Amino acid sequence: MPRGLKRFQQAGHLHFVTFSCYKRLPRLDTPFARSVCEKALEWTRRKYGFFICGYVVMPEHVHLLLSEPERGTLATALQAMKQSVSRGLGGVDGSPFWQARYYDFNVFSERKRIEKLRYIHRNPVTRGLCAEPQDWLWSSFRHYLSGEEGNVEIESRWTARKREQLGGALTVKVKDPALANDGLERGTLEIDDWT
């Protein structure tokens, strides 16, 4: 691990994670490649037991807002996802598909959670890839806008309502009581619509 890099995990926080393609090459520049990445993310979410509040797959990098996994570490889960994408898409020139490391920021407040989710959803517009966030198909924005289900399950009020209709209310346990919303049991977090 590089000197000075500290990761704070097993703290019950959400994590804003960014990882890039090798040398920031646009290896996710086709709809097919971005869809493979989404499917790998969903497979990893299920296997390692974490929830995703938001994501975007860009041509040369990925942003995620996610919980810590129930099984394994965040690093192990991200490695599994990256390996799945690499196997599915492969490198044509023999070079690695992904950069070796990832950026991880602990999201410790409601304000930061909203800030990071907005950043994720606006990233394709900022980069000039589309005119409006809902025009970029490889992000969680359309889910927040309309409840649309995509390749990746997103934790939101839409998801909570669906689970309640099916007979199971959504309660996500967190270790940090500072993240609990007013009126909720200490140590729980209500998933909200953060667009």
Protein backbone atom coordinates (compact mmCIF):
# COMPACT_ATOMS: atom_id res chain seq x y z
CA MET A 1 0.00 0.00 0.00
CA PRO A 2 1.41 3.45 -0.84
CA ARG A 3 2.77 5.47 2.05
CA GLY A 4 0.18 7.76 3.61
CA LEU A 5 -2.84 5.91 2.19
CA LYS A 6 -5.21 4.95 4.97
CA ARG A 7 -8.43 3.04 4.53
CA PHE A 8 -11.09 3.12 7.23
CA GLN A 9 -13.23 0.03 6.91
CA GLN A 10 -15.45 -2.01 9.22
CA ALA A 11 -16.73 1.34 10.51
CA GLY A 12 -20.27 0.97 9.17
CA HIS A 13 -19.86 3.88 6.75
CA LEU A 14 -20.84 4.05 3.13
CA HIS A 15 -17.89 4.28 0.74
CA PHE A 16 -17.46 6.46 -2.32
CA VAL A 17 -15.15 4.36 -4.49
CA THR A 18 -13.48 5.18 -7.79
CA PHE A 19 -11.35 2.87 -9.89
CA SER A 20 -9.96 3.37 -13.37
CA CYS A 21 -9.00 1.41 -16.43
CA TYR A 22 -5.29 0.86 -16.95
CA LYS A 23 -3.63 4.16 -17.88
CA ARG A 24 -7.17 5.63 -18.04
CA LEU A 25 -7.70 4.00 -21.41
CA PRO A 26 -11.38 4.08 -22.49
CA ARG A 27 -11.89 0.32 -22.22
CA LEU A 28 -15.52 0.82 -21.19
CA ASP A 29 -16.32 3.03 -24.18
CA THR A 30 -18.97 0.77 -25.74
CA PRO A 31 -22.49 0.02 -24.51
CA PHE A 32 -21.57 -3.68 -24.42
CA ALA A 33 -18.51 -3.08 -22.20
CA ARG A 34 -20.48 -0.86 -19.79
CA SER A 35 -23.24 -3.49 -19.57
CA VAL A 36 -20.65 -6.20 -18.78
CA CYS A 37 -19.37 -3.94 -15.99
CA GLU A 38 -22.91 -3.46 -14.61
CA LYS A 39 -23.57 -7.21 -14.63
CA ALA A 40 -20.27 -7.85 -12.83
CA LEU A 41 -21.20 -5.23 -10.22
CA GLU A 42 -24.57 -6.91 -9.59
CA TRP A 43 -22.97 -10.37 -9.38
CA THR A 44 -20.44 -9.02 -6.87
CA ARG A 45 -23.15 -7.24 -4.85
CA ARG A 46 -25.02 -10.51 -4.43
CA LYS A 47 -21.95 -12.64 -3.73
CA TYR A 48 -20.44 -10.34 -1.09
CA GLY A 49 -23.67 -8.96 0.41
CA PHE A 50 -23.37 -5.21 0.10
CA PHE A 51 -25.87 -2.61 -1.02
CA ILE A 52 -25.37 0.03 -3.68
CA CYS A 53 -26.75 3.53 -3.25
CA GLY A 54 -25.41 4.79 -6.55
CA TYR A 55 -23.04 4.11 -9.41
CA VAL A 56 -21.93 5.27 -12.83
CA VAL A 57 -19.87 3.42 -15.43
CA MET A 58 -17.84 5.88 -17.48
CA PRO A 59 -15.66 5.08 -20.53
CA GLU A 60 -12.45 4.87 -18.46
CA HIS A 61 -13.54 4.67 -14.81
CA VAL A 62 -16.30 3.65 -12.41
CA HIS A 63 -17.77 5.48 -9.39
CA LEU A 64 -19.67 3.60 -6.68
CA LEU A 65 -21.47 4.62 -3.50
CA LEU A 66 -21.83 1.40 -1.53
CA SER A 67 -21.89 -0.21 1.88
CA GLU A 68 -19.24 -2.48 3.30
CA PRO A 69 -19.77 -6.12 2.36
CA GLU A 70 -21.27 -8.61 4.78
CA ARG A 71 -18.88 -11.28 3.47
CA GLY A 72 -15.23 -10.42 2.90
CA THR A 73 -13.63 -7.01 2.69
CA LEU A 74 -14.35 -4.13 0.37
CA ALA A 75 -10.98 -4.68 -1.32
CA THR A 76 -11.78 -8.36 -1.95
CA ALA A 77 -15.22 -7.53 -3.37
CA LEU A 78 -13.83 -4.85 -5.68
CA GLN A 79 -11.06 -7.18 -6.82
CA ALA A 80 -13.64 -9.87 -7.66
CA MET A 81 -15.71 -7.37 -9.65
CA LYS A 82 -12.70 -6.06 -11.56
CA GLN A 83 -11.54 -9.62 -12.34
CA SER A 84 -15.02 -10.52 -13.61
CA VAL A 85 -14.99 -7.54 -15.99
CA SER A 86 -11.45 -8.37 -17.11
CA ARG A 87 -12.45 -11.94 -17.92
CA GLY A 88 -15.56 -10.76 -19.75
CA LEU A 89 -13.84 -8.11 -21.83
CA GLY A 90 -10.13 -8.93 -21.75
CA GLY A 91 -7.31 -6.71 -22.87
CA VAL A 92 -6.49 -6.81 -26.56
CA ASP A 93 -2.90 -5.65 -26.15
CA GLY A 94 -1.96 -7.93 -23.22
CA SER A 95 -1.81 -5.04 -20.75
CA PRO A 96 -3.84 -5.06 -17.52
CA PHE A 97 -7.48 -4.04 -17.83
CA TRP A 98 -7.60 -2.01 -14.58
CA GLN A 99 -5.29 0.20 -12.57
CA ALA A 100 -4.12 -1.76 -9.52
CA ARG A 101 -5.58 0.49 -6.81
CA TYR A 102 -8.83 2.27 -6.05
CA TYR A 103 -9.82 5.52 -4.36
CA ASP A 104 -11.98 5.11 -1.25
CA PHE A 105 -13.66 7.94 0.67
CA ASN A 106 -15.68 7.17 3.80
CA VAL A 107 -19.08 8.86 3.59
CA PHE A 108 -19.84 9.76 7.18
CA SER A 109 -22.71 12.24 6.91
CA GLU A 110 -25.98 12.81 5.06
CA ARG A 111 -24.53 15.91 3.42
CA LYS A 112 -21.55 13.96 2.02
CA ARG A 113 -23.80 11.12 0.87
CA ILE A 114 -25.95 13.52 -1.15
CA GLU A 115 -22.86 15.33 -2.49
CA LYS A 116 -21.26 12.09 -3.70
CA LEU A 117 -24.45 10.74 -5.24
CA ARG A 118 -25.01 13.99 -7.14
CA TYR A 119 -21.41 13.92 -8.33
CA ILE A 120 -21.87 10.34 -9.58
CA HIS A 121 -25.08 11.13 -11.45
CA ARG A 122 -23.81 14.36 -13.00
CA ASN A 123 -20.45 12.96 -14.10
CA PRO A 124 -21.60 11.95 -17.65
CA VAL A 125 -23.15 15.40 -18.19
CA THR A 126 -20.06 17.20 -16.89
CA ARG A 127 -17.92 15.15 -19.27
CA GLY A 128 -20.19 15.96 -22.23
CA LEU A 129 -21.31 12.37 -22.79
CA CYS A 130 -25.01 13.28 -22.56
CA ALA A 131 -27.25 16.32 -22.09
CA GLU A 132 -29.13 15.13 -18.97
CA PRO A 133 -28.26 12.53 -16.28
CA GLN A 134 -31.21 10.33 -17.31
CA ASP A 135 -29.74 10.05 -20.83
CA TRP A 136 -26.77 8.01 -19.56
CA LEU A 137 -28.03 4.43 -19.29
CA TRP A 138 -25.14 3.09 -17.19
CA SER A 139 -25.86 4.78 -13.88
CA SER A 140 -28.33 4.66 -11.03
CA PHE A 141 -29.92 8.01 -11.91
CA ARG A 142 -32.87 6.56 -13.84
CA HIS A 143 -33.70 4.40 -10.85
CA TYR A 144 -33.87 7.46 -8.60
CA LEU A 145 -35.89 9.36 -11.19
CA SER A 146 -38.61 6.75 -11.77
CA GLY A 147 -37.90 3.55 -9.85
CA GLU A 148 -36.76 1.89 -13.07
CA GLU A 149 -35.02 -1.41 -12.43
CA GLY A 150 -31.77 -1.93 -14.27
CA ASN A 151 -28.91 -4.40 -14.24
CA VAL A 152 -27.86 -3.33 -10.72
CA GLU A 153 -30.13 -3.33 -7.66
CA ILE A 154 -30.11 0.09 -6.01
CA GLU A 155 -31.13 0.75 -2.41
CA SER A 156 -33.60 3.63 -2.40
CA ARG A 157 -37.14 4.52 -1.38
CA TRP A 158 -38.32 2.82 -4.57
CA THR A 159 -36.64 -0.40 -3.44
CA ALA A 160 -37.98 -0.02 0.10
CA ARG A 161 -41.54 0.46 -1.17
CA LYS A 162 -41.25 -2.60 -3.37
CA ARG A 163 -40.00 -4.70 -0.45
CA GLU A 164 -42.78 -3.38 1.80
CA GLN A 165 -45.36 -4.36 -0.83
CA LEU A 166 -43.81 -7.82 -0.89
CA GLY A 167 -44.03 -7.98 2.90
CA GLY A 168 -40.51 -7.10 4.01
CA ALA A 169 -39.58 -3.59 5.16
CA LEU A 170 -36.08 -2.37 4.38
CA THR A 171 -33.84 -1.70 7.34
CA VAL A 172 -30.15 -1.29 6.80
CA LYS A 173 -27.99 -1.64 9.91
CA VAL A 174 -25.04 0.65 10.31
CA LYS A 175 -22.55 0.81 13.15
CA ASP A 176 -22.29 4.60 13.23
CA PRO A 177 -25.26 6.12 15.12
CA ALA A 178 -24.36 9.53 13.67
CA LEU A 179 -25.74 8.27 10.34
CA ALA A 180 -29.10 7.26 11.79
CA ASN A 181 -31.98 9.52 10.75
CA ASP A 182 -34.10 11.24 13.41
CA GLY A 183 -37.00 9.15 14.60
CA LEU A 184 -35.37 5.87 13.63
CA GLU A 185 -33.96 3.26 15.92
CA ARG A 186 -30.39 4.07 16.95
CA GLY A 187 -27.97 2.43 14.54
CA THR A 188 -30.26 2.16 11.52
CA LEU A 189 -30.19 4.15 8.34
CA GLU A 190 -33.19 5.00 6.20
CA ILE A 191 -32.32 4.84 2.54
CA ASP A 192 -33.42 8.04 0.85
CA ASP A 193 -33.75 9.30 -2.70
CA TRP A 194 -30.51 11.16 -3.35
CA THR A 195 -30.47 12.59 -6.80
